[in-house]
Amino acid sequence: MITLAVWLLVRARRKPSSRRYALAGAAAALCALVNSVFIPAGAALAFGVWLGERGPRRVRWTAVYLAAMLLVYAPWPLRNYLQFGRATP
């Protein structure tokens, strides 16, 4: 899964589009859902997006990536909260 996330991010860097960055972010979230040790990896990839871009595109592509990542990952902590009554990643 992490290989897929990195590959999608490389593709997004080569031909930037909201769709490509969103797919990369979703893949990073799926990595975290498969194994929680990949949560920092998704954040590190987001930092890579931030460092790889310049100007207003930096904010836009990083926001798209993080929004997709959080949207895909959010149901799991929400489920944990509803199940256990406390916030757990």
N, C-alpha and C. Protein backbone atom coordinates (compact mmCIF):
# COMPACT_ATOMS: atom_id res chain seq x y z
N MET A 1 0.82 -1.20 0.00
CA MET A 1 0.00 0.00 0.00
C MET A 1 0.86 1.26 0.00
N ILE A 2 1.94 1.24 0.78
CA ILE A 2 2.78 2.45 0.82
C ILE A 2 3.44 2.69 -0.54
N THR A 3 3.77 1.61 -1.22
CA THR A 3 4.34 1.75 -2.56
C THR A 3 3.33 2.39 -3.50
N LEU A 4 2.09 1.97 -3.40
CA LEU A 4 1.04 2.57 -4.22
C LEU A 4 0.88 4.06 -3.89
N ALA A 5 0.89 4.41 -2.61
CA ALA A 5 0.74 5.81 -2.21
C ALA A 5 1.89 6.66 -2.76
N VAL A 6 3.10 6.15 -2.66
CA VAL A 6 4.26 6.90 -3.17
C VAL A 6 4.19 7.02 -4.68
N TRP A 7 3.84 5.93 -5.36
CA TRP A 7 3.75 5.95 -6.81
C TRP A 7 2.70 6.96 -7.28
N LEU A 8 1.54 6.97 -6.61
CA LEU A 8 0.50 7.95 -6.97
C LEU A 8 0.96 9.38 -6.71
N LEU A 9 1.72 9.57 -5.64
CA LEU A 9 2.23 10.91 -5.35
C LEU A 9 3.26 11.35 -6.39
N VAL A 10 4.10 10.45 -6.83
CA VAL A 10 5.07 10.76 -7.89
C VAL A 10 4.33 11.13 -9.17
N ARG A 11 3.28 10.38 -9.50
CA ARG A 11 2.48 10.72 -10.69
C ARG A 11 1.84 12.09 -10.56
N ALA A 12 1.36 12.41 -9.36
CA ALA A 12 0.74 13.72 -9.13
C ALA A 12 1.76 14.84 -9.29
N ARG A 13 2.98 14.60 -8.84
CA ARG A 13 4.03 15.63 -8.97
C ARG A 13 4.38 15.86 -10.43
N ARG A 14 4.38 14.80 -11.23
CA ARG A 14 4.75 14.93 -12.64
C ARG A 14 3.68 15.63 -13.46
N LYS A 15 2.41 15.33 -13.17
CA LYS A 15 1.28 15.95 -13.87
C LYS A 15 0.27 16.39 -12.81
N PRO A 16 0.48 17.56 -12.20
CA PRO A 16 -0.38 17.99 -11.09
C PRO A 16 -1.85 18.15 -11.48
N SER A 17 -2.70 17.59 -10.65
CA SER A 17 -4.14 17.82 -10.75
C SER A 17 -4.74 17.48 -9.39
N SER A 18 -5.87 18.07 -9.11
CA SER A 18 -6.54 17.79 -7.84
C SER A 18 -6.87 16.31 -7.72
N ARG A 19 -7.31 15.73 -8.79
CA ARG A 19 -7.66 14.30 -8.77
C ARG A 19 -6.47 13.43 -8.40
N ARG A 20 -5.34 13.70 -9.00
CA ARG A 20 -4.14 12.89 -8.72
C ARG A 20 -3.67 13.05 -7.28
N TYR A 21 -3.68 14.28 -6.78
CA TYR A 21 -3.27 14.48 -5.39
C TYR A 21 -4.28 13.86 -4.42
N ALA A 22 -5.56 13.91 -4.77
CA ALA A 22 -6.57 13.30 -3.92
C ALA A 22 -6.40 11.77 -3.89
N LEU A 23 -6.10 11.17 -5.03
CA LEU A 23 -5.86 9.73 -5.06
C LEU A 23 -4.66 9.35 -4.21
N ALA A 24 -3.60 10.14 -4.28
CA ALA A 24 -2.42 9.87 -3.46
C ALA A 24 -2.75 9.99 -1.98
N GLY A 25 -3.52 10.99 -1.60
CA GLY A 25 -3.92 11.15 -0.21
C GLY A 25 -4.80 10.01 0.26
N ALA A 26 -5.73 9.57 -0.59
CA ALA A 26 -6.60 8.45 -0.23
C ALA A 26 -5.79 7.18 -0.06
N ALA A 27 -4.81 6.96 -0.92
CA ALA A 27 -3.96 5.78 -0.80
C ALA A 27 -3.15 5.82 0.50
N ALA A 28 -2.68 6.99 0.88
CA ALA A 28 -1.94 7.12 2.14
C ALA A 28 -2.85 6.80 3.33
N ALA A 29 -4.11 7.22 3.26
CA ALA A 29 -5.06 6.91 4.34
C ALA A 29 -5.34 5.41 4.39
N LEU A 30 -5.43 4.78 3.23
CA LEU A 30 -5.64 3.33 3.22
C LEU A 30 -4.46 2.60 3.85
N CYS A 31 -3.26 3.13 3.66
CA CYS A 31 -2.09 2.56 4.33
C CYS A 31 -2.28 2.58 5.84
N ALA A 32 -2.74 3.70 6.36
CA ALA A 32 -2.96 3.83 7.80
C ALA A 32 -4.08 2.93 8.28
N LEU A 33 -5.08 2.69 7.43
CA LEU A 33 -6.16 1.80 7.82
C LEU A 33 -5.72 0.33 7.81
N VAL A 34 -4.80 0.00 6.92
CA VAL A 34 -4.27 -1.36 6.88
C VAL A 34 -3.40 -1.63 8.11
N ASN A 35 -2.56 -0.65 8.46
CA ASN A 35 -1.68 -0.79 9.62
C ASN A 35 -1.41 0.61 10.16
N SER A 36 -1.75 0.82 11.41
CA SER A 36 -1.68 2.17 11.98
C SER A 36 -0.27 2.75 12.04
N VAL A 37 0.76 1.93 11.89
CA VAL A 37 2.12 2.48 11.89
C VAL A 37 2.37 3.35 10.67
N PHE A 38 1.48 3.30 9.67
CA PHE A 38 1.66 4.11 8.47
C PHE A 38 1.03 5.49 8.58
N ILE A 39 0.41 5.81 9.72
CA ILE A 39 -0.13 7.15 9.90
C ILE A 39 0.97 8.21 9.73
N PRO A 40 2.14 8.05 10.37
CA PRO A 40 3.20 9.04 10.15
C PRO A 40 3.70 9.07 8.71
N ALA A 41 3.63 7.95 8.02
CA ALA A 41 4.08 7.93 6.62
C ALA A 41 3.20 8.83 5.76
N GLY A 42 1.90 8.81 5.99
CA GLY A 42 1.00 9.69 5.24
C GLY A 42 1.29 11.14 5.51
N ALA A 43 1.58 11.46 6.77
CA ALA A 43 1.93 12.83 7.12
C ALA A 43 3.27 13.22 6.49
N ALA A 44 4.20 12.30 6.46
CA ALA A 44 5.50 12.59 5.84
C ALA A 44 5.34 12.84 4.34
N LEU A 45 4.47 12.09 3.69
CA LEU A 45 4.22 12.32 2.27
C LEU A 45 3.58 13.68 2.05
N ALA A 46 2.69 14.10 2.96
CA ALA A 46 2.09 15.43 2.86
C ALA A 46 3.16 16.50 2.99
N PHE A 47 4.11 16.28 3.89
CA PHE A 47 5.23 17.22 4.03
C PHE A 47 6.05 17.25 2.75
N GLY A 48 6.17 16.10 2.10
CA GLY A 48 6.87 16.05 0.81
C GLY A 48 6.16 16.86 -0.26
N VAL A 49 4.83 16.82 -0.25
CA VAL A 49 4.06 17.66 -1.18
C VAL A 49 4.35 19.12 -0.91
N TRP A 50 4.33 19.50 0.36
CA TRP A 50 4.59 20.88 0.76
C TRP A 50 5.97 21.34 0.30
N LEU A 51 6.97 20.50 0.50
CA LEU A 51 8.33 20.88 0.12
C LEU A 51 8.54 20.87 -1.39
N GLY A 52 7.79 20.03 -2.09
CA GLY A 52 8.00 19.88 -3.53
C GLY A 52 7.37 20.96 -4.38
N GLU A 53 6.47 21.72 -3.83
CA GLU A 53 5.78 22.75 -4.61
C GLU A 53 6.21 24.14 -4.15
N ARG A 54 5.92 25.11 -4.97
CA ARG A 54 6.22 26.51 -4.65
C ARG A 54 4.97 27.36 -4.90
N GLY A 55 4.91 28.48 -4.22
CA GLY A 55 3.84 29.45 -4.43
C GLY A 55 2.47 28.95 -3.99
N PRO A 56 1.41 29.47 -4.62
CA PRO A 56 0.05 29.11 -4.21
C PRO A 56 -0.27 27.64 -4.46
N ARG A 57 0.42 27.03 -5.41
CA ARG A 57 0.18 25.61 -5.68
C ARG A 57 0.58 24.76 -4.48
N ARG A 58 1.54 25.22 -3.70
CA ARG A 58 1.99 24.50 -2.52
C ARG A 58 0.82 24.26 -1.57
N VAL A 59 0.09 25.32 -1.27
CA VAL A 59 -1.03 25.22 -0.35
C VAL A 59 -2.16 24.39 -0.96
N ARG A 60 -2.44 24.63 -2.23
CA ARG A 60 -3.55 23.94 -2.89
C ARG A 60 -3.34 22.43 -2.92
N TRP A 61 -2.19 21.98 -3.43
CA TRP A 61 -1.96 20.54 -3.57
C TRP A 61 -1.83 19.86 -2.21
N THR A 62 -1.22 20.52 -1.26
CA THR A 62 -1.11 19.94 0.09
C THR A 62 -2.49 19.82 0.72
N ALA A 63 -3.33 20.84 0.54
CA ALA A 63 -4.68 20.81 1.10
C ALA A 63 -5.52 19.70 0.46
N VAL A 64 -5.42 19.54 -0.85
CA VAL A 64 -6.17 18.48 -1.55
C VAL A 64 -5.72 17.12 -1.04
N TYR A 65 -4.41 16.92 -0.94
CA TYR A 65 -3.85 15.65 -0.46
C TYR A 65 -4.34 15.35 0.95
N LEU A 66 -4.21 16.32 1.86
CA LEU A 66 -4.61 16.11 3.25
C LEU A 66 -6.12 15.93 3.40
N ALA A 67 -6.90 16.67 2.63
CA ALA A 67 -8.36 16.54 2.70
C ALA A 67 -8.79 15.13 2.30
N ALA A 68 -8.23 14.62 1.22
CA ALA A 68 -8.57 13.26 0.79
C ALA A 68 -8.12 12.24 1.83
N MET A 69 -6.92 12.44 2.36
CA MET A 69 -6.40 11.52 3.36
C MET A 69 -7.29 11.50 4.60
N LEU A 70 -7.66 12.67 5.08
CA LEU A 70 -8.49 12.75 6.28
C LEU A 70 -9.90 12.24 6.03
N LEU A 71 -10.44 12.50 4.86
CA LEU A 71 -11.78 12.03 4.54
C LEU A 71 -11.85 10.50 4.53
N VAL A 72 -10.84 9.87 3.97
CA VAL A 72 -10.82 8.41 3.92
C VAL A 72 -10.54 7.82 5.30
N TYR A 73 -9.67 8.45 6.07
CA TYR A 73 -9.26 7.90 7.37
C TYR A 73 -10.26 8.20 8.50
N ALA A 74 -11.00 9.30 8.41
CA ALA A 74 -11.85 9.78 9.50
C ALA A 74 -12.87 8.77 10.03
N PRO A 75 -13.48 7.92 9.21
CA PRO A 75 -14.46 6.99 9.79
C PRO A 75 -13.89 6.05 10.86
N TRP A 76 -12.63 5.71 10.77
CA TRP A 76 -12.06 4.78 11.73
C TRP A 76 -11.95 5.38 13.13
N PRO A 77 -11.34 6.56 13.33
CA PRO A 77 -11.34 7.14 14.67
C PRO A 77 -12.75 7.46 15.18
N LEU A 78 -13.65 7.84 14.27
CA LEU A 78 -15.03 8.09 14.67
C LEU A 78 -15.68 6.81 15.18
N ARG A 79 -15.47 5.72 14.50
CA ARG A 79 -15.98 4.42 14.93
C ARG A 79 -15.40 4.05 16.29
N ASN A 80 -14.10 4.27 16.47
CA ASN A 80 -13.46 3.97 17.76
C ASN A 80 -14.08 4.80 18.88
N TYR A 81 -14.33 6.06 18.61
CA TYR A 81 -14.93 6.93 19.62
C TYR A 81 -16.33 6.44 20.00
N LEU A 82 -17.11 6.11 18.99
CA LEU A 82 -18.47 5.64 19.26
C LEU A 82 -18.47 4.29 19.97
N GLN A 83 -17.51 3.45 19.64
CA GLN A 83 -17.43 2.12 20.23
C GLN A 83 -16.90 2.14 21.67
N PHE A 84 -15.84 2.92 21.90
CA PHE A 84 -15.13 2.87 23.17
C PHE A 84 -15.34 4.10 24.05
N GLY A 85 -15.96 5.15 23.50
CA GLY A 85 -16.23 6.34 24.27
C GLY A 85 -15.03 7.21 24.54
N ARG A 86 -13.96 7.02 23.77
CA ARG A 86 -12.77 7.87 23.90
C ARG A 86 -12.07 7.95 22.54
N ALA A 87 -11.33 9.01 22.36
CA ALA A 87 -10.65 9.22 21.09
C ALA A 87 -9.40 8.34 21.02
N THR A 88 -9.34 7.53 19.98
CA THR A 88 -8.16 6.70 19.71
C THR A 88 -7.91 6.69 18.22
N PRO A 89 -6.67 6.82 17.81
CA PRO A 89 -6.40 6.81 16.37
C PRO A 89 -6.52 5.40 15.81
